[in-house]
């Protein structure tokens, strides 16, 4: 019996997990920066400037 399918499956799952671990933080960073920009715009447009 050949173990090749199991080895390929393990490599595939490992690659998917590795890519997720590498790309998920980048997506969260992009989302966080967008939220921060939105909050800054809301503060600037509110007109409440405290000296």
Protein backbone atom coordinates (compact mmCIF):
# COMPACT_ATOMS: atom_id res chain seq x y z
CA UNK A 1 0.00 0.00 0.00
CA UNK A 2 1.33 3.38 -0.99
CA UNK A 3 1.38 6.21 1.53
CA UNK A 4 1.66 8.88 -1.16
CA UNK A 5 -1.97 10.14 -0.93
CA UNK A 6 -1.63 10.64 2.81
CA UNK A 7 1.67 12.47 2.41
CA UNK A 8 0.21 14.79 -0.27
CA UNK A 9 -2.84 15.42 1.92
CA UNK A 10 -0.60 16.32 4.87
CA UNK A 11 1.48 18.70 2.74
CA UNK A 12 -1.68 20.30 1.34
CA UNK A 13 -3.24 20.83 4.76
CA UNK A 14 0.05 22.16 6.11
CA UNK A 15 0.37 24.61 3.23
CA UNK A 16 -3.18 25.87 3.70
CA UNK A 17 -2.62 26.38 7.43
CA UNK A 18 0.70 28.13 6.79
CA UNK A 19 -0.87 30.49 4.24
CA UNK A 20 -3.75 31.26 6.60
CA UNK A 21 -1.33 32.06 9.42
CA UNK A 22 0.64 34.34 7.09
CA UNK A 23 -2.28 36.18 5.43
CA UNK A 24 -4.88 36.52 8.20
CA UNK A 25 -2.90 39.14 10.19
CA UNK A 26 -2.48 41.23 7.03
CA UNK A 27 -6.25 41.24 6.49
CA UNK A 28 -6.86 42.20 10.14
CA UNK A 29 -4.33 45.02 9.87
CA UNK A 30 -6.01 46.38 6.76
CA UNK A 31 -9.41 46.27 8.46
CA UNK A 32 -8.07 47.94 11.61
CA UNK A 33 -6.45 50.75 9.62
CA UNK A 34 -9.71 51.33 7.75
CA UNK A 35 -11.60 51.56 11.06
CA UNK A 36 -9.06 53.99 12.50
CA UNK A 37 -9.30 56.22 9.42
CA UNK A 38 -13.10 56.19 9.73
CA UNK A 39 -12.91 57.19 13.40
CA UNK A 40 -10.50 60.03 12.62
CA UNK A 41 -12.83 61.33 9.91
CA UNK A 42 -15.77 61.19 12.31
CA UNK A 43 -13.85 63.15 14.94
CA UNK A 44 -12.75 65.76 12.42
CA UNK A 45 -16.24 66.19 10.99
CA UNK A 46 -17.92 66.43 14.39
CA UNK A 47 -16.56 69.96 14.89
CA UNK A 48 -15.77 69.36 18.53
CA UNK A 49 -12.28 70.75 18.76
CA UNK A 50 -11.04 71.01 22.32
CA UNK A 51 -8.16 73.48 22.76
